[in-house]
């Protein structure tokens, strides 16, 4: 990394402010990435992702019907497993 030369304190302050904002942006990107991972690892999303790989292969309206029914079926199954 090349050494920068500054001619005033205002330039240094501006550079520090830019770095502070870049750091905040990167932290927010990290938080969003972690949130996406959490959502993808939820049981209902795992089942949905597994089933969605097979749904497009079904002919006719069966794929559409199954795609609409999957959220209800998974909700029902997880309620039964939890004993509610």
PDB file of N, CA and C in Angstrom:
ATOM      1  N   UNK A   1       0.843  -1.172   0.000  1.00  0.00           N
ATOM      2  CA  UNK A   1       0.000   0.000   0.000  1.00  0.00           C
ATOM      3  C   UNK A   1       0.889   1.237   0.000  1.00  0.00           C
ATOM      4  N   UNK A   2       0.604   2.155  -0.889  1.00  0.00           N
ATOM      5  CA  UNK A   2       1.414   3.356  -1.015  1.00  0.00           C
ATOM      6  C   UNK A   2       1.104   4.328   0.128  1.00  0.00           C
ATOM      7  N   UNK A   3       2.117   5.039   0.550  1.00  0.00           N
ATOM      8  CA  UNK A   3       1.952   6.032   1.611  1.00  0.00           C
ATOM      9  C   UNK A   3       1.350   7.288   1.024  1.00  0.00           C
ATOM     10  N   UNK A   4       0.313   7.785   1.676  1.00  0.00           N
ATOM     11  CA  UNK A   4      -0.336   9.010   1.204  1.00  0.00           C
ATOM     12  C   UNK A   4       0.245  10.207   1.941  1.00  0.00           C
ATOM     13  N   UNK A   5       0.324  11.306   1.216  1.00  0.00           N
ATOM     14  CA  UNK A   5       0.785  12.548   1.824  1.00  0.00           C
ATOM     15  C   UNK A   5      -0.387  13.514   1.858  1.00  0.00           C
ATOM     16  N   UNK A   6      -0.600  14.089   3.009  1.00  0.00           N
ATOM     17  CA  UNK A   6      -1.704  15.022   3.197  1.00  0.00           C
ATOM     18  C   UNK A   6      -1.141  16.417   3.403  1.00  0.00           C
ATOM     19  N   UNK A   7      -1.850  17.390   2.850  1.00  0.00           N
ATOM     20  CA  UNK A   7      -1.388  18.769   2.987  1.00  0.00           C
ATOM     21  C   UNK A   7      -2.138  19.532   4.073  1.00  0.00           C
ATOM     22  N   UNK A   8      -3.232  18.929   4.592  1.00  0.00           N
ATOM     23  CA  UNK A   8      -3.975  19.606   5.655  1.00  0.00           C
ATOM     24  C   UNK A   8      -4.682  18.579   6.534  1.00  0.00           C
ATOM     25  N   UNK A   9      -5.073  19.056   7.700  1.00  0.00           N
ATOM     26  CA  UNK A   9      -5.807  18.183   8.606  1.00  0.00           C
ATOM     27  C   UNK A   9      -7.206  17.880   8.066  1.00  0.00           C
ATOM     28  N   UNK A  10      -7.737  18.760   7.272  1.00  0.00           N
ATOM     29  CA  UNK A  10      -9.060  18.545   6.684  1.00  0.00           C
ATOM     30  C   UNK A  10      -9.051  17.324   5.768  1.00  0.00           C
ATOM     31  N   UNK A  11      -7.982  17.145   5.013  1.00  0.00           N
ATOM     32  CA  UNK A  11      -7.865  15.963   4.151  1.00  0.00           C
ATOM     33  C   UNK A  11      -7.784  14.688   4.988  1.00  0.00           C
ATOM     34  N   UNK A  12      -7.059  14.734   6.084  1.00  0.00           N
ATOM     35  CA  UNK A  12      -6.942  13.572   6.972  1.00  0.00           C
ATOM     36  C   UNK A  12      -8.303  13.254   7.572  1.00  0.00           C
ATOM     37  N   UNK A  13      -8.997  14.272   8.033  1.00  0.00           N
ATOM     38  CA  UNK A  13     -10.325  14.054   8.608  1.00  0.00           C
ATOM     39  C   UNK A  13     -11.294  13.471   7.577  1.00  0.00           C
ATOM     40  N   UNK A  14     -11.219  13.973   6.349  1.00  0.00           N
ATOM     41  CA  UNK A  14     -12.078  13.469   5.283  1.00  0.00           C
ATOM     42  C   UNK A  14     -11.783  12.004   4.995  1.00  0.00           C
ATOM     43  N   UNK A  15     -10.514  11.661   4.931  1.00  0.00           N
ATOM     44  CA  UNK A  15     -10.107  10.274   4.683  1.00  0.00           C
ATOM     45  C   UNK A  15     -10.565   9.355   5.823  1.00  0.00           C
ATOM     46  N   UNK A  16     -10.435   9.820   7.055  1.00  0.00           N
ATOM     47  CA  UNK A  16     -10.886   9.032   8.197  1.00  0.00           C
ATOM     48  C   UNK A  16     -12.399   8.824   8.182  1.00  0.00           C
ATOM     49  N   UNK A  17     -13.118   9.844   7.773  1.00  0.00           N
ATOM     50  CA  UNK A  17     -14.572   9.735   7.680  1.00  0.00           C
ATOM     51  C   UNK A  17     -14.967   8.726   6.609  1.00  0.00           C
ATOM     52  N   UNK A  18     -14.287   8.741   5.483  1.00  0.00           N
ATOM     53  CA  UNK A  18     -14.547   7.775   4.409  1.00  0.00           C
ATOM     54  C   UNK A  18     -14.275   6.361   4.904  1.00  0.00           C
ATOM     55  N   UNK A  19     -13.168   6.172   5.595  1.00  0.00           N
ATOM     56  CA  UNK A  19     -12.836   4.846   6.116  1.00  0.00           C
ATOM     57  C   UNK A  19     -13.860   4.372   7.143  1.00  0.00           C
ATOM     58  N   UNK A  20     -14.329   5.291   7.957  1.00  0.00           N
ATOM     59  CA  UNK A  20     -15.344   4.952   8.966  1.00  0.00           C
ATOM     60  C   UNK A  20     -16.635   4.493   8.282  1.00  0.00           C
ATOM     61  N   UNK A  21     -17.043   5.196   7.234  1.00  0.00           N
ATOM     62  CA  UNK A  21     -18.264   4.825   6.507  1.00  0.00           C
ATOM     63  C   UNK A  21     -18.085   3.495   5.790  1.00  0.00           C
ATOM     64  N   UNK A  22     -16.923   3.265   5.188  1.00  0.00           N
ATOM     65  CA  UNK A  22     -16.655   1.994   4.522  1.00  0.00           C
ATOM     66  C   UNK A  22     -16.697   0.839   5.523  1.00  0.00           C
ATOM     67  N   UNK A  23     -16.166   1.064   6.706  1.00  0.00           N
ATOM     68  CA  UNK A  23     -16.194   0.040   7.749  1.00  0.00           C
ATOM     69  C   UNK A  23     -17.633  -0.283   8.136  1.00  0.00           C
ATOM     70  N   UNK A  24     -18.464   0.739   8.290  1.00  0.00           N
ATOM     71  CA  UNK A  24     -19.868   0.542   8.651  1.00  0.00           C
ATOM     72  C   UNK A  24     -20.619  -0.215   7.560  1.00  0.00           C
ATOM     73  N   UNK A  25     -20.338   0.113   6.300  1.00  0.00           N
ATOM     74  CA  UNK A  25     -20.967  -0.594   5.180  1.00  0.00           C
ATOM     75  C   UNK A  25     -20.579  -2.063   5.194  1.00  0.00           C
ATOM     76  N   UNK A  26     -19.309  -2.348   5.406  1.00  0.00           N
ATOM     77  CA  UNK A  26     -18.858  -3.736   5.435  1.00  0.00           C
ATOM     78  C   UNK A  26     -19.472  -4.507   6.603  1.00  0.00           C
ATOM     79  N   UNK A  27     -19.643  -3.861   7.747  1.00  0.00           N
ATOM     80  CA  UNK A  27     -20.297  -4.521   8.880  1.00  0.00           C
ATOM     81  C   UNK A  27     -21.750  -4.835   8.560  1.00  0.00           C
ATOM     82  N   UNK A  28     -22.447  -3.909   7.922  1.00  0.00           N
ATOM     83  CA  UNK A  28     -23.838  -4.150   7.554  1.00  0.00           C
ATOM     84  C   UNK A  28     -23.953  -5.292   6.546  1.00  0.00           C
ATOM     85  N   UNK A  29     -23.026  -5.368   5.590  1.00  0.00           N
ATOM     86  CA  UNK A  29     -23.016  -6.475   4.637  1.00  0.00           C
ATOM     87  C   UNK A  29     -22.800  -7.798   5.360  1.00  0.00           C
ATOM     88  N   UNK A  30     -21.930  -7.801   6.350  1.00  0.00           N
ATOM     89  CA  UNK A  30     -21.676  -9.002   7.136  1.00  0.00           C
ATOM     90  C   UNK A  30     -22.933  -9.421   7.895  1.00  0.00           C
ATOM     91  N   UNK A  31     -23.611  -8.460   8.537  1.00  0.00           N
ATOM     92  CA  UNK A  31     -24.835  -8.763   9.278  1.00  0.00           C
ATOM     93  C   UNK A  31     -25.915  -9.320   8.348  1.00  0.00           C
ATOM     94  N   UNK A  32     -26.052  -8.735   7.159  1.00  0.00           N
ATOM     95  CA  UNK A  32     -27.042  -9.229   6.210  1.00  0.00           C
ATOM     96  C   UNK A  32     -26.702 -10.639   5.731  1.00  0.00           C
ATOM     97  N   UNK A  33     -25.422 -10.907   5.525  1.00  0.00           N
ATOM     98  CA  UNK A  33     -25.002 -12.246   5.130  1.00  0.00           C
ATOM     99  C   UNK A  33     -25.307 -13.271   6.204  1.00  0.00           C
ATOM    100  N   UNK A  34     -25.060 -12.923   7.454  1.00  0.00           N
ATOM    101  CA  UNK A  34     -25.358 -13.821   8.567  1.00  0.00           C
ATOM    102  C   UNK A  34     -26.860 -14.056   8.657  1.00  0.00           C
ATOM    103  N   UNK A  35     -27.649 -13.004   8.467  1.00  0.00           N
ATOM    104  CA  UNK A  35     -29.110 -13.141   8.514  1.00  0.00           C
ATOM    105  C   UNK A  35     -29.599 -14.066   7.405  1.00  0.00           C
ATOM    106  N   UNK A  36     -29.035 -13.949   6.211  1.00  0.00           N
ATOM    107  CA  UNK A  36     -29.415 -14.835   5.103  1.00  0.00           C
ATOM    108  C   UNK A  36     -29.084 -16.286   5.427  1.00  0.00           C
ATOM    109  N   UNK A  37     -27.915 -16.510   6.026  1.00  0.00           N
ATOM    110  CA  UNK A  37     -27.526 -17.865   6.397  1.00  0.00           C
ATOM    111  C   UNK A  37     -28.487 -18.429   7.432  1.00  0.00           C
ATOM    112  N   UNK A  38     -28.862 -17.632   8.430  1.00  0.00           N
ATOM    113  CA  UNK A  38     -29.812 -18.084   9.446  1.00  0.00           C
ATOM    114  C   UNK A  38     -31.147 -18.472   8.814  1.00  0.00           C
ATOM    115  N   UNK A  39     -31.621 -17.638   7.893  1.00  0.00           N
ATOM    116  CA  UNK A  39     -32.900 -17.931   7.241  1.00  0.00           C
ATOM    117  C   UNK A  39     -32.816 -19.195   6.398  1.00  0.00           C
ATOM    118  N   UNK A  40     -31.709 -19.402   5.709  1.00  0.00           N
ATOM    119  CA  UNK A  40     -31.566 -20.592   4.874  1.00  0.00           C
ATOM    120  C   UNK A  40     -31.441 -21.864   5.696  1.00  0.00           C
ATOM    121  N   UNK A  41     -31.006 -21.757   6.935  1.00  0.00           N
ATOM    122  CA  UNK A  41     -30.841 -22.939   7.777  1.00  0.00           C
ATOM    123  C   UNK A  41     -32.070 -23.255   8.622  1.00  0.00           C
ATOM    124  N   UNK A  42     -33.134 -22.470   8.496  1.00  0.00           N
ATOM    125  CA  UNK A  42     -34.371 -22.794   9.185  1.00  0.00           C
ATOM    126  C   UNK A  42     -34.964 -24.053   8.553  1.00  0.00           C
ATOM    127  N   UNK A  43     -35.535 -24.938   9.376  1.00  0.00           N
ATOM    128  CA  UNK A  43     -36.055 -26.200   8.837  1.00  0.00           C
ATOM    129  C   UNK A  43     -37.060 -26.026   7.703  1.00  0.00           C
ATOM    130  N   UNK A  44     -37.955 -25.040   7.815  1.00  0.00           N
ATOM    131  CA  UNK A  44     -38.955 -24.876   6.755  1.00  0.00           C
ATOM    132  C   UNK A  44     -38.304 -24.485   5.436  1.00  0.00           C
ATOM    133  N   UNK A  45     -37.245 -23.691   5.489  1.00  0.00           N
ATOM    134  CA  UNK A  45     -36.563 -23.290   4.255  1.00  0.00           C
ATOM    135  C   UNK A  45     -35.719 -24.421   3.683  1.00  0.00           C
ATOM    136  N   UNK A  46     -35.169 -25.257   4.554  1.00  0.00           N
ATOM    137  CA  UNK A  46     -34.408 -26.412   4.063  1.00  0.00           C
ATOM    138  C   UNK A  46     -35.326 -27.337   3.289  1.00  0.00           C
ATOM    139  N   UNK A  47     -36.496 -27.631   3.879  1.00  0.00           N
ATOM    140  CA  UNK A  47     -37.461 -28.507   3.204  1.00  0.00           C
ATOM    141  C   UNK A  47     -37.933 -27.871   1.906  1.00  0.00           C
ATOM    142  N   UNK A  48     -38.239 -26.581   1.955  1.00  0.00           N
ATOM    143  CA  UNK A  48     -38.716 -25.890   0.753  1.00  0.00           C
ATOM    144  C   UNK A  48     -37.673 -25.945  -0.356  1.00  0.00           C
ATOM    145  N   UNK A  49     -36.407 -25.729  -0.003  1.00  0.00           N
ATOM    146  CA  UNK A  49     -35.343 -25.761  -1.013  1.00  0.00           C
ATOM    147  C   UNK A  49     -35.165 -27.161  -1.585  1.00  0.00           C
ATOM    148  N   UNK A  50     -35.278 -28.180  -0.718  1.00  0.00           N
ATOM    149  CA  UNK A  50     -35.131 -29.554  -1.208  1.00  0.00           C
ATOM    150  C   UNK A  50     -36.263 -29.918  -2.156  1.00  0.00           C
ATOM    151  N   UNK A  51     -37.490 -29.561  -1.785  1.00  0.00           N
ATOM    152  CA  UNK A  51     -38.642 -29.906  -2.607  1.00  0.00           C
ATOM    153  C   UNK A  51     -38.665 -29.076  -3.885  1.00  0.00           C
ATOM    154  N   UNK A  52     -38.248 -27.840  -3.814  1.00  0.00           N
ATOM    155  CA  UNK A  52     -38.294 -26.972  -4.998  1.00  0.00           C
ATOM    156  C   UNK A  52     -37.376 -27.475  -6.109  1.00  0.00           C
ATOM    157  N   UNK A  53     -36.396 -28.300  -5.763  1.00  0.00           N
ATOM    158  CA  UNK A  53     -35.550 -28.876  -6.804  1.00  0.00           C
ATOM    159  C   UNK A  53     -36.315 -29.899  -7.638  1.00  0.00           C
ATOM    160  N   UNK A  54     -37.344 -30.527  -7.044  1.00  0.00           N
ATOM    161  CA  UNK A  54     -38.090 -31.564  -7.746  1.00  0.00           C
ATOM    162  C   UNK A  54     -39.396 -31.053  -8.351  1.00  0.00           C
ATOM    163  N   UNK A  55     -39.926 -29.961  -7.849  1.00  0.00           N
ATOM    164  CA  UNK A  55     -41.208 -29.451  -8.320  1.00  0.00           C
ATOM    165  C   UNK A  55     -41.182 -29.072  -9.803  1.00  0.00           C
ATOM    166  N   UNK A  56     -40.155 -28.396 -10.309  1.00  0.00           N
ATOM    167  CA  UNK A  56     -40.184 -28.042 -11.737  1.00  0.00           C
ATOM    168  C   UNK A  56     -40.215 -29.258 -12.651  1.00  0.00           C
ATOM    169  N   UNK A  57     -39.824 -30.428 -12.156  1.00  0.00           N
ATOM    170  CA  UNK A  57     -39.806 -31.628 -12.983  1.00  0.00           C
ATOM    171  C   UNK A  57     -41.185 -32.263 -13.110  1.00  0.00           C
ATOM    172  N   UNK A  58     -42.140 -31.836 -12.280  1.00  0.00           N
ATOM    173  CA  UNK A  58     -43.479 -32.404 -12.358  1.00  0.00           C
ATOM    174  C   UNK A  58     -44.234 -31.786 -13.524  1.00  0.00           C
ATOM    175  N   UNK A  59     -44.949 -32.616 -14.288  1.00  0.00           N
ATOM    176  CA  UNK A  59     -45.662 -32.088 -15.465  1.00  0.00           C
ATOM    177  C   UNK A  59     -46.974 -31.413 -15.087  1.00  0.00           C
ATOM    178  N   UNK A  60     -47.400 -30.498 -15.925  1.00  0.00           N
ATOM    179  CA  UNK A  60     -48.709 -29.871 -15.814  1.00  0.00           C
ATOM    180  C   UNK A  60     -48.907 -29.062 -14.546  1.00  0.00           C
ATOM    181  N   UNK A  61     -50.147 -29.048 -14.074  1.00  0.00           N
ATOM    182  CA  UNK A  61     -50.483 -28.219 -12.912  1.00  0.00           C
ATOM    183  C   UNK A  61     -50.026 -28.814 -11.581  1.00  0.00           C
ATOM    184  N   UNK A  62     -49.549 -30.053 -11.598  1.00  0.00           N
ATOM    185  CA  UNK A  62     -49.140 -30.693 -10.346  1.00  0.00           C
ATOM    186  C   UNK A  62     -48.005 -29.930  -9.668  1.00  0.00           C
ATOM    187  N   UNK A  63     -47.079 -29.438 -10.439  1.00  0.00           N
ATOM    188  CA  UNK A  63     -45.969 -28.673  -9.876  1.00  0.00           C
ATOM    189  C   UNK A  63     -46.437 -27.392  -9.216  1.00  0.00           C
ATOM    190  N   UNK A  64     -47.375 -26.717  -9.851  1.00  0.00           N
ATOM    191  CA  UNK A  64     -47.902 -25.462  -9.285  1.00  0.00           C
ATOM    192  C   UNK A  64     -48.681 -25.730  -8.000  1.00  0.00           C
ATOM    193  N   UNK A  65     -49.509 -26.771  -8.019  1.00  0.00           N
ATOM    194  CA  UNK A  65     -50.292 -27.115  -6.836  1.00  0.00           C
ATOM    195  C   UNK A  65     -49.373 -27.500  -5.681  1.00  0.00           C
ATOM    196  N   UNK A  66     -48.390 -28.315  -5.965  1.00  0.00           N
ATOM    197  CA  UNK A  66     -47.454 -28.730  -4.924  1.00  0.00           C
ATOM    198  C   UNK A  66     -46.666 -27.547  -4.396  1.00  0.00           C
ATOM    199  N   UNK A  67     -46.294 -26.650  -5.268  1.00  0.00           N
ATOM    200  CA  UNK A  67     -45.549 -25.454  -4.856  1.00  0.00           C
ATOM    201  C   UNK A  67     -46.378 -24.586  -3.916  1.00  0.00           C
ATOM    202  N   UNK A  68     -47.681 -24.511  -4.134  1.00  0.00           N
ATOM    203  CA  UNK A  68     -48.562 -23.754  -3.244  1.00  0.00           C
ATOM    204  C   UNK A  68     -48.809 -24.489  -1.932  1.00  0.00           C
ATOM    205  N   UNK A  69     -48.812 -25.812  -1.964  1.00  0.00           N
ATOM    206  CA  UNK A  69     -49.137 -26.606  -0.782  1.00  0.00           C
ATOM    207  C   UNK A  69     -47.944 -26.814   0.151  1.00  0.00           C
ATOM    208  N   UNK A  70     -46.740 -26.683  -0.336  1.00  0.00           N
ATOM    209  CA  UNK A  70     -45.544 -26.971   0.463  1.00  0.00           C
ATOM    210  C   UNK A  70     -45.490 -26.171   1.759  1.00  0.00           C
ATOM    211  N   UNK A  71     -45.720 -24.853   1.766  1.00  0.00           N
ATOM    212  CA  UNK A  71     -45.655 -24.126   3.042  1.00  0.00           C
ATOM    213  C   UNK A  71     -46.662 -24.636   4.076  1.00  0.00           C
ATOM    214  N   UNK A  72     -47.863 -24.989   3.630  1.00  0.00           N
ATOM    215  CA  UNK A  72     -48.869 -25.488   4.559  1.00  0.00           C
ATOM    216  C   UNK A  72     -48.499 -26.864   5.098  1.00  0.00           C
ATOM    217  N   UNK A  73     -47.989 -27.710   4.237  1.00  0.00           N
ATOM    218  CA  UNK A  73     -47.598 -29.061   4.659  1.00  0.00           C
ATOM    219  C   UNK A  73     -46.451 -29.007   5.651  1.00  0.00           C
ATOM    220  N   UNK A  74     -45.432 -28.207   5.364  1.00  0.00           N
ATOM    221  CA  UNK A  74     -44.292 -28.130   6.283  1.00  0.00           C
ATOM    222  C   UNK A  74     -44.702 -27.532   7.626  1.00  0.00           C
ATOM    223  N   UNK A  75     -45.583 -26.542   7.600  1.00  0.00           N
ATOM    224  CA  UNK A  75     -46.067 -25.954   8.852  1.00  0.00           C
ATOM    225  C   UNK A  75     -46.818 -26.996   9.668  1.00  0.00           C
ATOM    226  N   UNK A  76     -47.661 -27.776   9.018  1.00  0.00           N
ATOM    227  CA  UNK A  76     -48.415 -28.826   9.689  1.00  0.00           C
ATOM    228  C   UNK A  76     -47.487 -29.869  10.297  1.00  0.00           C
ATOM    229  N   UNK A  77     -46.490 -30.294   9.537  1.00  0.00           N
ATOM    230  CA  UNK A  77     -45.553 -31.326  10.016  1.00  0.00           C
ATOM    231  C   UNK A  77     -44.763 -30.820  11.212  1.00  0.00           C
ATOM    232  N   UNK A  78     -44.261 -29.606  11.151  1.00  0.00           N
ATOM    233  CA  UNK A  78     -43.457 -29.089  12.259  1.00  0.00           C
ATOM    234  C   UNK A  78     -44.303 -28.855  13.501  1.00  0.00           C
ATOM    235  N   UNK A  79     -45.590 -28.520  13.332  1.00  0.00           N
ATOM    236  CA  UNK A  79     -46.468 -28.391  14.499  1.00  0.00           C
ATOM    237  C   UNK A  79     -46.689 -29.747  15.147  1.00  0.00           C
ATOM    238  N   UNK A  80     -46.840 -30.790  14.340  1.00  0.00           N
ATOM    239  CA  UNK A  80     -47.037 -32.136  14.882  1.00  0.00           C
ATOM    240  C   UNK A  80     -45.781 -32.626  15.602  1.00  0.00           C
ATOM    241  N   UNK A  81     -44.624 -32.307  15.039  1.00  0.00           N
ATOM    242  CA  UNK A  81     -43.371 -32.740  15.654  1.00  0.00           C
ATOM    243  C   UNK A  81     -43.193 -32.052  17.000  1.00  0.00           C
ATOM    244  N   UNK A  82     -43.543 -30.794  17.090  1.00  0.00           N
ATOM    245  CA  UNK A  82     -43.393 -30.039  18.324  1.00  0.00           C
ATOM    246  C   UNK A  82     -44.488 -30.388  19.333  1.00  0.00           C
ATOM    247  N   UNK A  83     -45.524 -31.056  18.902  1.00  0.00           N
ATOM    248  CA  UNK A  83     -46.581 -31.480  19.803  1.00  0.00           C
ATOM    249  C   UNK A  83     -47.600 -30.422  20.119  1.00  0.00           C
ATOM    250  N   UNK A  84     -47.834 -29.532  19.220  1.00  0.00           N
ATOM    251  CA  UNK A  84     -48.826 -28.459  19.454  1.00  0.00           C
ATOM    252  C   UNK A  84     -50.167 -28.849  18.942  1.00  0.00           C
TER     253      UNK A  84
END
